Amino acid sequence: MQNHLTDCTILHGDGSSTAAKKGGDMLGYNGHKHFKGEKVVAIVDRNGNVISPYTRASGNQNESPLFESALHSLKKIASAVGLDFKGSVMSLDGAYDSKKNRKLIFNAGMTPNINENKRNRKKNQTRKKETF
């Protein structure tokens, strides 16, 4: 526990989609939710305090590639404020499951806690030839 206000032993990251009914800067059609808007990725501590500034993108983008920018912002804030995330656990949902994101978390000195996305995994499928 650092500063008795933030608990950075576990960090949570997730994205959110917001509809923009009257227009905006970064708009894109989100086909999954069927509206035009933008996506935001935030990283919070164990108590729900927002640690890094929001990473914004248009609504038609996937959240997974936005994590690199969010982690960069997290590192920048950590060095400015004096927080240390080494040894912390970064908890993310299955949308962020990729080798690149896991490597970014390991290189930052943190442990990834990401649900395995079965669609993202390649199975080692070897078909045996049938002989008759």
C-alpha atoms as a PDB file:
ATOM      1  CA  MET A   1       0.000   0.000   0.000  1.00  0.00           C
ATOM      2  CA  GLN A   2       1.493   3.318  -1.039  1.00  0.00           C
ATOM      3  CA  ASN A   3       0.442   6.725   0.320  1.00  0.00           C
ATOM      4  CA  HIS A   4      -2.389   4.947   2.232  1.00  0.00           C
ATOM      5  CA  LEU A   5      -4.726   6.088  -0.559  1.00  0.00           C
ATOM      6  CA  THR A   6      -3.762   3.940  -3.510  1.00  0.00           C
ATOM      7  CA  ASP A   7      -3.295   0.192  -3.452  1.00  0.00           C
ATOM      8  CA  CYS A   8      -1.236  -0.656  -6.533  1.00  0.00           C
ATOM      9  CA  THR A   9      -0.660  -4.328  -5.749  1.00  0.00           C
ATOM     10  CA  ILE A  10      -3.382  -5.178  -8.265  1.00  0.00           C
ATOM     11  CA  LEU A  11      -4.208  -2.956 -11.243  1.00  0.00           C
ATOM     12  CA  HIS A  12      -7.337  -3.416 -13.336  1.00  0.00           C
ATOM     13  CA  GLY A  13      -7.677  -2.336 -16.950  1.00  0.00           C
ATOM     14  CA  ASP A  14     -10.775  -2.330 -19.099  1.00  0.00           C
ATOM     15  CA  GLY A  15     -12.398  -0.523 -21.959  1.00  0.00           C
ATOM     16  CA  SER A  16     -15.729   1.143 -22.329  1.00  0.00           C
ATOM     17  CA  SER A  17     -17.759   2.272 -25.334  1.00  0.00           C
ATOM     18  CA  THR A  18     -19.638   5.536 -25.277  1.00  0.00           C
ATOM     19  CA  ALA A  19     -22.314   6.633 -27.737  1.00  0.00           C
ATOM     20  CA  ALA A  20     -21.960  10.100 -29.236  1.00  0.00           C
ATOM     21  CA  LYS A  21     -25.459  11.144 -30.251  1.00  0.00           C
ATOM     22  CA  LYS A  22     -24.559  14.752 -31.026  1.00  0.00           C
ATOM     23  CA  GLY A  23     -21.156  14.204 -32.657  1.00  0.00           C
ATOM     24  CA  GLY A  24     -17.648  14.380 -31.309  1.00  0.00           C
ATOM     25  CA  ASP A  25     -13.958  14.135 -32.103  1.00  0.00           C
ATOM     26  CA  MET A  26     -13.133  10.452 -32.434  1.00  0.00           C
ATOM     27  CA  LEU A  27     -16.228   8.809 -33.858  1.00  0.00           C
ATOM     28  CA  GLY A  28     -16.561   5.388 -35.391  1.00  0.00           C
ATOM     29  CA  TYR A  29     -19.404   2.930 -35.838  1.00  0.00           C
ATOM     30  CA  ASN A  30     -19.292   0.150 -33.276  1.00  0.00           C
ATOM     31  CA  GLY A  31     -20.832  -2.810 -35.103  1.00  0.00           C
ATOM     32  CA  HIS A  32     -21.059  -4.915 -31.948  1.00  0.00           C
ATOM     33  CA  LYS A  33     -23.106  -2.394 -29.976  1.00  0.00           C
ATOM     34  CA  HIS A  34     -24.735  -0.756 -33.022  1.00  0.00           C
ATOM     35  CA  PHE A  35     -23.968   2.890 -32.382  1.00  0.00           C
ATOM     36  CA  LYS A  36     -21.536   5.588 -33.381  1.00  0.00           C
ATOM     37  CA  GLY A  37     -19.148   6.645 -30.653  1.00  0.00           C
ATOM     38  CA  GLU A  38     -15.730   6.195 -29.103  1.00  0.00           C
ATOM     39  CA  LYS A  39     -13.856   3.725 -26.900  1.00  0.00           C
ATOM     40  CA  VAL A  40     -11.944   4.509 -23.740  1.00  0.00           C
ATOM     41  CA  VAL A  41      -9.382   2.332 -21.934  1.00  0.00           C
ATOM     42  CA  ALA A  42      -8.698   3.055 -18.256  1.00  0.00           C
ATOM     43  CA  ILE A  43      -6.352   1.526 -15.677  1.00  0.00           C
ATOM     44  CA  VAL A  44      -7.434   1.700 -12.035  1.00  0.00           C
ATOM     45  CA  ASP A  45      -5.955   0.521  -8.749  1.00  0.00           C
ATOM     46  CA  ARG A  46      -7.479  -1.967  -6.342  1.00  0.00           C
ATOM     47  CA  ASN A  47      -9.661   0.732  -4.752  1.00  0.00           C
ATOM     48  CA  GLY A  48     -11.041   1.962  -8.081  1.00  0.00           C
ATOM     49  CA  ASN A  49      -8.889   5.087  -8.313  1.00  0.00           C
ATOM     50  CA  VAL A  50      -8.014   5.962 -11.915  1.00  0.00           C
ATOM     51  CA  ILE A  51      -4.225   5.748 -12.182  1.00  0.00           C
ATOM     52  CA  SER A  52      -3.547   6.493 -15.841  1.00  0.00           C
ATOM     53  CA  PRO A  53      -5.228   8.983 -18.143  1.00  0.00           C
ATOM     54  CA  TYR A  54      -7.821   7.546 -20.465  1.00  0.00           C
ATOM     55  CA  THR A  55      -6.683   6.228 -23.824  1.00  0.00           C
ATOM     56  CA  ARG A  56      -9.308   7.170 -26.409  1.00  0.00           C
ATOM     57  CA  ALA A  57     -10.032   5.765 -29.853  1.00  0.00           C
ATOM     58  CA  SER A  58     -12.876   5.682 -32.323  1.00  0.00           C
ATOM     59  CA  GLY A  59     -15.653   3.201 -31.625  1.00  0.00           C
ATOM     60  CA  ASN A  60     -14.792   0.916 -34.532  1.00  0.00           C
ATOM     61  CA  GLN A  61     -11.383  -0.094 -33.118  1.00  0.00           C
ATOM     62  CA  ASN A  62     -10.528  -3.133 -31.037  1.00  0.00           C
ATOM     63  CA  GLU A  63      -9.453  -2.525 -27.432  1.00  0.00           C
ATOM     64  CA  SER A  64      -6.426  -4.821 -27.474  1.00  0.00           C
ATOM     65  CA  PRO A  65      -4.072  -2.571 -29.503  1.00  0.00           C
ATOM     66  CA  LEU A  66      -5.000   0.393 -27.280  1.00  0.00           C
ATOM     67  CA  PHE A  67      -3.408  -1.283 -24.251  1.00  0.00           C
ATOM     68  CA  GLU A  68       0.133  -0.354 -25.318  1.00  0.00           C
ATOM     69  CA  SER A  69      -0.745   3.338 -25.224  1.00  0.00           C
ATOM     70  CA  ALA A  70      -2.538   2.944 -21.889  1.00  0.00           C
ATOM     71  CA  LEU A  71       0.474   1.180 -20.356  1.00  0.00           C
ATOM     72  CA  HIS A  72       2.795   3.910 -21.670  1.00  0.00           C
ATOM     73  CA  SER A  73       0.588   6.527 -19.973  1.00  0.00           C
ATOM     74  CA  LEU A  74       0.631   4.468 -16.781  1.00  0.00           C
ATOM     75  CA  LYS A  75       4.444   4.399 -16.755  1.00  0.00           C
ATOM     76  CA  LYS A  76       4.601   8.136 -17.385  1.00  0.00           C
ATOM     77  CA  ILE A  77       2.248   8.886 -14.476  1.00  0.00           C
ATOM     78  CA  ALA A  78       4.108   6.446 -12.216  1.00  0.00           C
ATOM     79  CA  SER A  79       7.446   8.168 -12.782  1.00  0.00           C
ATOM     80  CA  ALA A  80       5.928  11.642 -12.300  1.00  0.00           C
ATOM     81  CA  VAL A  81       4.141  10.768  -9.051  1.00  0.00           C
ATOM     82  CA  GLY A  82       6.661   8.307  -7.652  1.00  0.00           C
ATOM     83  CA  LEU A  83       4.598   5.107  -7.736  1.00  0.00           C
ATOM     84  CA  ASP A  84       6.277   1.759  -8.297  1.00  0.00           C
ATOM     85  CA  PHE A  85       4.347  -0.972 -10.090  1.00  0.00           C
ATOM     86  CA  LYS A  86       7.094  -3.609 -10.052  1.00  0.00           C
ATOM     87  CA  GLY A  87       5.654  -6.865  -8.752  1.00  0.00           C
ATOM     88  CA  SER A  88       2.067  -5.708  -9.227  1.00  0.00           C
ATOM     89  CA  VAL A  89      -0.576  -7.804 -10.951  1.00  0.00           C
ATOM     90  CA  MET A  90      -2.203  -6.357 -14.083  1.00  0.00           C
ATOM     91  CA  SER A  91      -5.709  -7.790 -14.368  1.00  0.00           C
ATOM     92  CA  LEU A  92      -7.393  -7.574 -17.786  1.00  0.00           C
ATOM     93  CA  ASP A  93     -10.274  -9.320 -19.531  1.00  0.00           C
ATOM     94  CA  GLY A  94      -9.985 -11.712 -22.475  1.00  0.00           C
ATOM     95  CA  ALA A  95     -10.136  -8.923 -25.069  1.00  0.00           C
ATOM     96  CA  TYR A  96      -6.518  -8.055 -24.201  1.00  0.00           C
ATOM     97  CA  ASP A  97      -5.182 -11.615 -24.499  1.00  0.00           C
ATOM     98  CA  SER A  98      -2.242 -11.463 -26.890  1.00  0.00           C
ATOM     99  CA  LYS A  99       1.449 -12.297 -26.762  1.00  0.00           C
ATOM    100  CA  LYS A 100       2.314  -8.638 -27.293  1.00  0.00           C
ATOM    101  CA  ASN A 101       0.239  -7.407 -24.346  1.00  0.00           C
ATOM    102  CA  ARG A 102       1.564 -10.141 -22.065  1.00  0.00           C
ATOM    103  CA  LYS A 103       5.129  -9.257 -23.056  1.00  0.00           C
ATOM    104  CA  LEU A 104       4.511  -5.548 -22.403  1.00  0.00           C
ATOM    105  CA  ILE A 105       3.259  -6.375 -18.909  1.00  0.00           C
ATOM    106  CA  PHE A 106       6.224  -8.686 -18.173  1.00  0.00           C
ATOM    107  CA  ASN A 107       8.704  -6.069 -19.426  1.00  0.00           C
ATOM    108  CA  ALA A 108       7.116  -3.493 -17.103  1.00  0.00           C
ATOM    109  CA  GLY A 109       7.916  -5.801 -14.158  1.00  0.00           C
ATOM    110  CA  MET A 110       4.309  -6.794 -13.555  1.00  0.00           C
ATOM    111  CA  THR A 111       2.480 -10.114 -13.650  1.00  0.00           C
ATOM    112  CA  PRO A 112      -0.355 -10.450 -16.181  1.00  0.00           C
ATOM    113  CA  ASN A 113      -3.707 -11.835 -15.081  1.00  0.00           C
ATOM    114  CA  ILE A 114      -5.604 -12.138 -18.364  1.00  0.00           C
ATOM    115  CA  ASN A 115      -8.422 -14.560 -19.083  1.00  0.00           C
ATOM    116  CA  GLU A 116      -7.456 -16.830 -21.942  1.00  0.00           C
ATOM    117  CA  ASN A 117      -9.338 -15.947 -25.104  1.00  0.00           C
ATOM    118  CA  LYS A 118      -9.901 -19.268 -26.869  1.00  0.00           C
ATOM    119  CA  ARG A 119     -10.376 -17.563 -30.226  1.00  0.00           C
ATOM    120  CA  ASN A 120      -6.907 -16.059 -29.931  1.00  0.00           C
ATOM    121  CA  ARG A 121      -5.092 -19.348 -29.311  1.00  0.00           C
ATOM    122  CA  LYS A 122      -3.697 -21.522 -32.047  1.00  0.00           C
ATOM    123  CA  LYS A 123      -4.079 -25.201 -31.374  1.00  0.00           C
ATOM    124  CA  ASN A 124      -1.417 -27.615 -32.429  1.00  0.00           C
ATOM    125  CA  GLN A 125      -3.602 -29.681 -34.700  1.00  0.00           C
ATOM    126  CA  THR A 126      -1.931 -32.638 -36.282  1.00  0.00           C
ATOM    127  CA  ARG A 127      -4.207 -34.867 -38.256  1.00  0.00           C
ATOM    128  CA  LYS A 128      -3.336 -38.497 -38.286  1.00  0.00           C
ATOM    129  CA  LYS A 129      -3.667 -40.190 -41.612  1.00  0.00           C
ATOM    130  CA  GLU A 130      -6.186 -42.941 -41.572  1.00  0.00           C
ATOM    131  CA  THR A 131      -5.147 -46.149 -43.236  1.00  0.00           C
ATOM    132  CA  PHE A 132      -7.699 -48.641 -44.410  1.00  0.00           C
END
